[in-house]
Amino acid sequence: MALKNPARALSLGVIALSVLALGASPTSRADKTAQKMLKMQDALKKGQQQIDSLISTLNALASAQGKDLVTQYKKFRDQVHTLDPTAKKVRSQADKAASQREEYMKAWQKDQDKIQNEQLKAASEARRSQLKPVIDQIKDATSSGKDHFTPLLQNLKDLDLYLGNNLTDQGLAAAHDLIAQCNQSAAFVKDDVEKANAALEQLAALVTPGGAKK
């Protein structure tokens, strides 16, 4: 059966192809990518909240005296022991998000290579170029965060072990430098997390038509 309005049909076809070229389709693939980004963002936020709480407890322990010293140490020890599972969860979410992101970009490249129209091909490449700095920021921030978090976690574990056998005013005094170092490392991690989260949210919004939703 002949189309009633061939011109309109052709116009809709061009629009559909343009959406594909700009990386917004297939929607399910983009949505999955965006959801992974947002899940990673949630994991990073929860991990950061835990680190903030732990550092606050550590600083309270550093100034504690008498019976309060034991109370604060137990609180610190419990939080250190729960940090490992959180770190593993964050790493898992990061790995899944990275894998989904790479799959999405590779699939997009394959779609782009099939486009015959040079104008649309150029538009698609320009769109990919727009996303690259955001992706690089995620990679750089998460890599830097890992570099800062790994020694932070080990130092917190060292403090737990050390103070568990020397919970005295003298013991705390000897740990003063390492406590200060933990505070500095935690500040670096927080900065990395904030940069990663900003880029994750931006990328999720960019790859999803209408913006990403949790």
C-alpha atoms as a PDB file:
ATOM      1  CA  MET A   1       0.000   0.000   0.000  1.00  0.00           C
ATOM      2  CA  ALA A   2       1.387   3.401  -0.949  1.00  0.00           C
ATOM      3  CA  LEU A   3       2.296   5.835   1.769  1.00  0.00           C
ATOM      4  CA  LYS A   4      -0.066   8.801   2.040  1.00  0.00           C
ATOM      5  CA  ASN A   5       2.744  11.237   2.728  1.00  0.00           C
ATOM      6  CA  PRO A   6       6.109   9.989   1.413  1.00  0.00           C
ATOM      7  CA  ALA A   7       7.842  13.259   2.315  1.00  0.00           C
ATOM      8  CA  ARG A   8       6.758  13.015   5.941  1.00  0.00           C
ATOM      9  CA  ALA A   9       7.816   9.377   6.107  1.00  0.00           C
ATOM     10  CA  LEU A  10      11.246  10.269   4.719  1.00  0.00           C
ATOM     11  CA  SER A  11      11.539  13.127   7.220  1.00  0.00           C
ATOM     12  CA  LEU A  12      10.758  10.808  10.149  1.00  0.00           C
ATOM     13  CA  GLY A  13      13.317   8.333   8.843  1.00  0.00           C
ATOM     14  CA  VAL A  14      16.027  10.998   8.771  1.00  0.00           C
ATOM     15  CA  ILE A  15      15.150  12.080  12.312  1.00  0.00           C
ATOM     16  CA  ALA A  16      15.353   8.483  13.550  1.00  0.00           C
ATOM     17  CA  LEU A  17      18.748   8.034  11.904  1.00  0.00           C
ATOM     18  CA  SER A  18      19.949  11.290  13.421  1.00  0.00           C
ATOM     19  CA  VAL A  19      19.018  10.067  16.905  1.00  0.00           C
ATOM     20  CA  LEU A  20      20.979   6.885  16.306  1.00  0.00           C
ATOM     21  CA  ALA A  21      23.980   8.844  15.087  1.00  0.00           C
ATOM     22  CA  LEU A  22      23.975  11.079  18.142  1.00  0.00           C
ATOM     23  CA  GLY A  23      24.295   8.086  20.439  1.00  0.00           C
ATOM     24  CA  ALA A  24      20.869   8.246  22.058  1.00  0.00           C
ATOM     25  CA  SER A  25      19.682   4.897  20.720  1.00  0.00           C
ATOM     26  CA  PRO A  26      18.985   2.151  21.361  1.00  0.00           C
ATOM     27  CA  THR A  27      17.333   3.602  24.434  1.00  0.00           C
ATOM     28  CA  SER A  28      17.641   0.356  26.424  1.00  0.00           C
ATOM     29  CA  ARG A  29      21.413   0.322  25.934  1.00  0.00           C
ATOM     30  CA  ALA A  30      21.737   3.971  26.923  1.00  0.00           C
ATOM     31  CA  ASP A  31      19.456   3.493  29.912  1.00  0.00           C
ATOM     32  CA  LYS A  32      21.469   0.509  31.137  1.00  0.00           C
ATOM     33  CA  THR A  33      24.666   2.526  30.843  1.00  0.00           C
ATOM     34  CA  ALA A  34      23.141   5.458  32.706  1.00  0.00           C
ATOM     35  CA  GLN A  35      21.793   3.217  35.462  1.00  0.00           C
ATOM     36  CA  LYS A  36      25.233   1.691  36.006  1.00  0.00           C
ATOM     37  CA  MET A  37      26.664   5.189  36.275  1.00  0.00           C
ATOM     38  CA  LEU A  38      24.065   6.175  38.870  1.00  0.00           C
ATOM     39  CA  LYS A  39      24.511   2.944  40.853  1.00  0.00           C
ATOM     40  CA  MET A  40      28.234   3.590  40.985  1.00  0.00           C
ATOM     41  CA  GLN A  41      27.497   7.142  42.096  1.00  0.00           C
ATOM     42  CA  ASP A  42      25.287   5.849  44.920  1.00  0.00           C
ATOM     43  CA  ALA A  43      27.986   3.391  46.010  1.00  0.00           C
ATOM     44  CA  LEU A  44      30.610   6.135  46.048  1.00  0.00           C
ATOM     45  CA  LYS A  45      28.366   8.418  48.098  1.00  0.00           C
ATOM     46  CA  LYS A  46      27.679   5.715  50.667  1.00  0.00           C
ATOM     47  CA  GLY A  47      31.355   4.847  50.851  1.00  0.00           C
ATOM     48  CA  GLN A  48      32.263   8.497  51.340  1.00  0.00           C
ATOM     49  CA  GLN A  49      29.702   8.869  54.125  1.00  0.00           C
ATOM     50  CA  GLN A  50      31.257   5.892  55.875  1.00  0.00           C
ATOM     51  CA  ILE A  51      34.757   7.349  55.561  1.00  0.00           C
ATOM     52  CA  ASP A  52      33.554  10.719  56.888  1.00  0.00           C
ATOM     53  CA  SER A  53      31.997   9.010  59.896  1.00  0.00           C
ATOM     54  CA  LEU A  54      35.098   6.906  60.527  1.00  0.00           C
ATOM     55  CA  ILE A  55      37.450   9.891  60.387  1.00  0.00           C
ATOM     56  CA  SER A  56      35.158  11.782  62.745  1.00  0.00           C
ATOM     57  CA  THR A  57      35.322   8.849  65.169  1.00  0.00           C
ATOM     58  CA  LEU A  58      39.099   8.658  64.783  1.00  0.00           C
ATOM     59  CA  ASN A  59      39.473  12.332  65.643  1.00  0.00           C
ATOM     60  CA  ALA A  60      37.191  11.900  68.653  1.00  0.00           C
ATOM     61  CA  LEU A  61      39.365   8.958  69.722  1.00  0.00           C
ATOM     62  CA  ALA A  62      42.512  11.061  69.321  1.00  0.00           C
ATOM     63  CA  SER A  63      41.245  13.520  71.941  1.00  0.00           C
ATOM     64  CA  ALA A  64      39.506  11.010  74.224  1.00  0.00           C
ATOM     65  CA  GLN A  65      40.577  10.305  77.799  1.00  0.00           C
ATOM     66  CA  GLY A  66      39.751   7.827  80.535  1.00  0.00           C
ATOM     67  CA  LYS A  67      36.726   5.581  80.010  1.00  0.00           C
ATOM     68  CA  ASP A  68      35.794   7.534  76.896  1.00  0.00           C
ATOM     69  CA  LEU A  69      39.021   6.295  75.340  1.00  0.00           C
ATOM     70  CA  VAL A  70      37.781   2.693  75.394  1.00  0.00           C
ATOM     71  CA  THR A  71      34.328   3.660  74.117  1.00  0.00           C
ATOM     72  CA  GLN A  72      35.708   5.643  71.197  1.00  0.00           C
ATOM     73  CA  TYR A  73      38.214   2.935  70.320  1.00  0.00           C
ATOM     74  CA  LYS A  74      35.512   0.259  70.125  1.00  0.00           C
ATOM     75  CA  LYS A  75      33.461   2.508  67.867  1.00  0.00           C
ATOM     76  CA  PHE A  76      36.514   3.160  65.688  1.00  0.00           C
ATOM     77  CA  ARG A  77      37.403  -0.540  65.512  1.00  0.00           C
ATOM     78  CA  ASP A  78      33.877  -1.530  64.460  1.00  0.00           C
ATOM     79  CA  GLN A  79      33.833   1.075  61.690  1.00  0.00           C
ATOM     80  CA  VAL A  80      37.237   0.000  60.378  1.00  0.00           C
ATOM     81  CA  HIS A  81      36.031  -3.604  60.177  1.00  0.00           C
ATOM     82  CA  THR A  82      32.996  -2.607  58.091  1.00  0.00           C
ATOM     83  CA  LEU A  83      34.993  -0.463  55.671  1.00  0.00           C
ATOM     84  CA  ASP A  84      36.440  -3.427  53.766  1.00  0.00           C
ATOM     85  CA  PRO A  85      33.039  -4.766  52.595  1.00  0.00           C
ATOM     86  CA  THR A  86      32.041  -1.258  51.530  1.00  0.00           C
ATOM     87  CA  ALA A  87      35.262  -0.858  49.559  1.00  0.00           C
ATOM     88  CA  LYS A  88      34.648  -4.182  47.799  1.00  0.00           C
ATOM     89  CA  LYS A  89      31.114  -3.108  46.889  1.00  0.00           C
ATOM     90  CA  VAL A  90      32.364   0.191  45.482  1.00  0.00           C
ATOM     91  CA  ARG A  91      35.003  -1.616  43.423  1.00  0.00           C
ATOM     92  CA  SER A  92      32.352  -4.037  42.114  1.00  0.00           C
ATOM     93  CA  GLN A  93      30.048  -1.187  41.085  1.00  0.00           C
ATOM     94  CA  ALA A  94      32.965   0.640  39.476  1.00  0.00           C
ATOM     95  CA  ASP A  95      33.966  -2.442  37.476  1.00  0.00           C
ATOM     96  CA  LYS A  96      30.388  -2.998  36.286  1.00  0.00           C
ATOM     97  CA  ALA A  97      29.969   0.657  35.356  1.00  0.00           C
ATOM     98  CA  ALA A  98      33.271   0.708  33.479  1.00  0.00           C
ATOM     99  CA  SER A  99      32.384  -2.480  31.599  1.00  0.00           C
ATOM    100  CA  GLN A 100      28.928  -1.171  30.661  1.00  0.00           C
ATOM    101  CA  ARG A 101      30.407   2.159  29.583  1.00  0.00           C
ATOM    102  CA  GLU A 102      33.016   0.521  27.345  1.00  0.00           C
ATOM    103  CA  GLU A 103      30.431  -1.819  25.804  1.00  0.00           C
ATOM    104  CA  TYR A 104      28.168   1.121  25.079  1.00  0.00           C
ATOM    105  CA  MET A 105      30.919   3.146  23.420  1.00  0.00           C
ATOM    106  CA  LYS A 106      32.079   0.159  21.320  1.00  0.00           C
ATOM    107  CA  ALA A 107      28.530  -0.556  20.178  1.00  0.00           C
ATOM    108  CA  TRP A 108      28.094   3.098  19.352  1.00  0.00           C
ATOM    109  CA  GLN A 109      31.280   3.029  17.269  1.00  0.00           C
ATOM    110  CA  LYS A 110      29.964   0.024  15.324  1.00  0.00           C
ATOM    111  CA  ASP A 111      26.694   1.843  14.631  1.00  0.00           C
ATOM    112  CA  GLN A 112      28.594   4.944  13.590  1.00  0.00           C
ATOM    113  CA  ASP A 113      30.758   2.971  11.162  1.00  0.00           C
ATOM    114  CA  LYS A 114      27.616   1.782   9.364  1.00  0.00           C
ATOM    115  CA  ILE A 115      26.363   5.318   8.715  1.00  0.00           C
ATOM    116  CA  GLN A 116      26.829   6.273   5.064  1.00  0.00           C
ATOM    117  CA  ASN A 117      25.791   9.913   5.270  1.00  0.00           C
ATOM    118  CA  GLU A 118      28.948  11.940   5.920  1.00  0.00           C
ATOM    119  CA  GLN A 119      27.128  14.749   7.718  1.00  0.00           C
ATOM    120  CA  LEU A 120      25.532  12.339  10.203  1.00  0.00           C
ATOM    121  CA  LYS A 121      28.789  10.434  10.603  1.00  0.00           C
ATOM    122  CA  ALA A 122      30.551  13.689  11.471  1.00  0.00           C
ATOM    123  CA  ALA A 123      27.789  14.615  13.918  1.00  0.00           C
ATOM    124  CA  SER A 124      28.092  11.232  15.600  1.00  0.00           C
ATOM    125  CA  GLU A 125      31.861  11.593  15.937  1.00  0.00           C
ATOM    126  CA  ALA A 126      31.422  15.086  17.376  1.00  0.00           C
ATOM    127  CA  ARG A 127      29.030  13.650  19.954  1.00  0.00           C
ATOM    128  CA  ARG A 128      31.532  10.948  20.942  1.00  0.00           C
ATOM    129  CA  SER A 129      34.201  13.620  21.263  1.00  0.00           C
ATOM    130  CA  GLN A 130      31.872  15.535  23.592  1.00  0.00           C
ATOM    131  CA  LEU A 131      31.609  12.524  25.906  1.00  0.00           C
ATOM    132  CA  LYS A 132      35.308  11.621  25.955  1.00  0.00           C
ATOM    133  CA  PRO A 133      36.400  14.344  28.447  1.00  0.00           C
ATOM    134  CA  VAL A 134      33.625  13.256  30.816  1.00  0.00           C
ATOM    135  CA  ILE A 135      34.673   9.618  30.551  1.00  0.00           C
ATOM    136  CA  ASP A 136      38.311  10.582  31.089  1.00  0.00           C
ATOM    137  CA  GLN A 137      37.327  12.526  34.215  1.00  0.00           C
ATOM    138  CA  ILE A 138      35.590   9.460  35.634  1.00  0.00           C
ATOM    139  CA  LYS A 139      38.607   7.289  34.910  1.00  0.00           C
ATOM    140  CA  ASP A 140      41.066   9.821  36.347  1.00  0.00           C
ATOM    141  CA  ALA A 141      39.003  10.511  39.481  1.00  0.00           C
ATOM    142  CA  THR A 142      38.344   6.846  40.275  1.00  0.00           C
ATOM    143  CA  SER A 143      41.981   5.946  39.655  1.00  0.00           C
ATOM    144  CA  SER A 144      43.174   8.770  41.906  1.00  0.00           C
ATOM    145  CA  GLY A 145      40.588   7.794  44.510  1.00  0.00           C
ATOM    146  CA  LYS A 146      41.914   4.239  44.529  1.00  0.00           C
ATOM    147  CA  ASP A 147      45.493   5.507  44.900  1.00  0.00           C
ATOM    148  CA  HIS A 148      44.493   7.588  47.928  1.00  0.00           C
ATOM    149  CA  PHE A 149      42.064   5.081  49.464  1.00  0.00           C
ATOM    150  CA  THR A 150      44.377   2.033  49.471  1.00  0.00           C
ATOM    151  CA  PRO A 151      46.970   3.534  51.869  1.00  0.00           C
ATOM    152  CA  LEU A 152      44.189   5.178  53.899  1.00  0.00           C
ATOM    153  CA  LEU A 153      42.533   1.822  54.561  1.00  0.00           C
ATOM    154  CA  GLN A 154      45.858   0.222  55.501  1.00  0.00           C
ATOM    155  CA  ASN A 155      46.725   3.082  57.867  1.00  0.00           C
ATOM    156  CA  LEU A 156      43.331   2.786  59.545  1.00  0.00           C
ATOM    157  CA  LYS A 157      43.892  -0.942  59.982  1.00  0.00           C
ATOM    158  CA  ASP A 158      47.363  -0.263  61.409  1.00  0.00           C
ATOM    159  CA  LEU A 159      45.885   2.177  63.916  1.00  0.00           C
ATOM    160  CA  ASP A 160      43.259  -0.373  64.912  1.00  0.00           C
ATOM    161  CA  LEU A 161      45.894  -3.051  65.538  1.00  0.00           C
ATOM    162  CA  TYR A 162      48.306  -0.710  67.278  1.00  0.00           C
ATOM    163  CA  LEU A 163      45.796   0.956  69.590  1.00  0.00           C
ATOM    164  CA  GLY A 164      44.221  -2.405  70.362  1.00  0.00           C
ATOM    165  CA  ASN A 165      47.434  -3.230  72.209  1.00  0.00           C
ATOM    166  CA  ASN A 166      48.406   0.252  73.385  1.00  0.00           C
ATOM    167  CA  LEU A 167      45.250   2.163  74.214  1.00  0.00           C
ATOM    168  CA  THR A 168      46.927   4.766  76.393  1.00  0.00           C
ATOM    169  CA  ASP A 169      47.685   8.474  76.291  1.00  0.00           C
ATOM    170  CA  GLN A 170      51.230   7.593  75.239  1.00  0.00           C
ATOM    171  CA  GLY A 171      49.925   5.262  72.542  1.00  0.00           C
ATOM    172  CA  LEU A 172      47.716   7.981  71.108  1.00  0.00           C
ATOM    173  CA  ALA A 173      50.591  10.443  71.168  1.00  0.00           C
ATOM    174  CA  ALA A 174      52.732   8.042  69.143  1.00  0.00           C
ATOM    175  CA  ALA A 175      49.914   7.644  66.618  1.00  0.00           C
ATOM    176  CA  HIS A 176      49.398  11.396  66.182  1.00  0.00           C
ATOM    177  CA  ASP A 177      51.294  11.675  62.879  1.00  0.00           C
ATOM    178  CA  LEU A 178      49.495   8.716  61.312  1.00  0.00           C
ATOM    179  CA  ILE A 179      46.114  10.077  62.432  1.00  0.00           C
ATOM    180  CA  ALA A 180      46.942  13.380  60.734  1.00  0.00           C
ATOM    181  CA  GLN A 181      47.964  11.467  57.616  1.00  0.00           C
ATOM    182  CA  CYS A 182      44.622   9.623  57.616  1.00  0.00           C
ATOM    183  CA  ASN A 183      42.801  12.954  57.757  1.00  0.00           C
ATOM    184  CA  GLN A 184      44.772  14.212  54.774  1.00  0.00           C
ATOM    185  CA  SER A 185      44.219  11.028  52.753  1.00  0.00           C
ATOM    186  CA  ALA A 186      40.504  11.099  53.550  1.00  0.00           C
ATOM    187  CA  ALA A 187      40.309  14.680  52.250  1.00  0.00           C
ATOM    188  CA  PHE A 188      41.989  13.599  48.993  1.00  0.00           C
ATOM    189  CA  VAL A 189      39.573  10.665  48.639  1.00  0.00           C
ATOM    190  CA  LYS A 190      36.599  12.968  49.213  1.00  0.00           C
ATOM    191  CA  ASP A 191      37.800  15.337  46.492  1.00  0.00           C
ATOM    192  CA  ASP A 192      38.233  12.398  44.091  1.00  0.00           C
ATOM    193  CA  VAL A 193      34.760  11.064  44.905  1.00  0.00           C
ATOM    194  CA  GLU A 194      33.152  14.451  44.320  1.00  0.00           C
ATOM    195  CA  LYS A 195      34.856  14.764  40.930  1.00  0.00           C
ATOM    196  CA  ALA A 196      33.871  11.224  39.949  1.00  0.00           C
ATOM    197  CA  ASN A 197      30.268  11.715  41.047  1.00  0.00           C
ATOM    198  CA  ALA A 198      29.926  14.951  39.102  1.00  0.00           C
ATOM    199  CA  ALA A 199      31.247  13.275  35.951  1.00  0.00           C
ATOM    200  CA  LEU A 200      29.110  10.159  36.478  1.00  0.00           C
ATOM    201  CA  GLU A 201      25.961  12.223  36.778  1.00  0.00           C
ATOM    202  CA  GLN A 202      26.901  14.252  33.715  1.00  0.00           C
ATOM    203  CA  LEU A 203      27.626  11.151  31.628  1.00  0.00           C
ATOM    204  CA  ALA A 204      24.420   9.437  32.735  1.00  0.00           C
ATOM    205  CA  ALA A 205      22.423  12.491  31.655  1.00  0.00           C
ATOM    206  CA  LEU A 206      24.274  12.791  28.351  1.00  0.00           C
ATOM    207  CA  VAL A 207      23.757   9.199  27.204  1.00  0.00           C
ATOM    208  CA  THR A 208      20.083   8.982  28.164  1.00  0.00           C
ATOM    209  CA  PRO A 209      17.318  10.696  26.178  1.00  0.00           C
ATOM    210  CA  GLY A 210      15.524  13.145  28.450  1.00  0.00           C
ATOM    211  CA  GLY A 211      18.109  12.780  31.202  1.00  0.00           C
ATOM    212  CA  ALA A 212      18.936   9.899  33.501  1.00  0.00           C
ATOM    213  CA  LYS A 213      16.617   8.887  36.310  1.00  0.00           C
ATOM    214  CA  LYS A 214      17.331   6.658  39.288  1.00  0.00           C
END
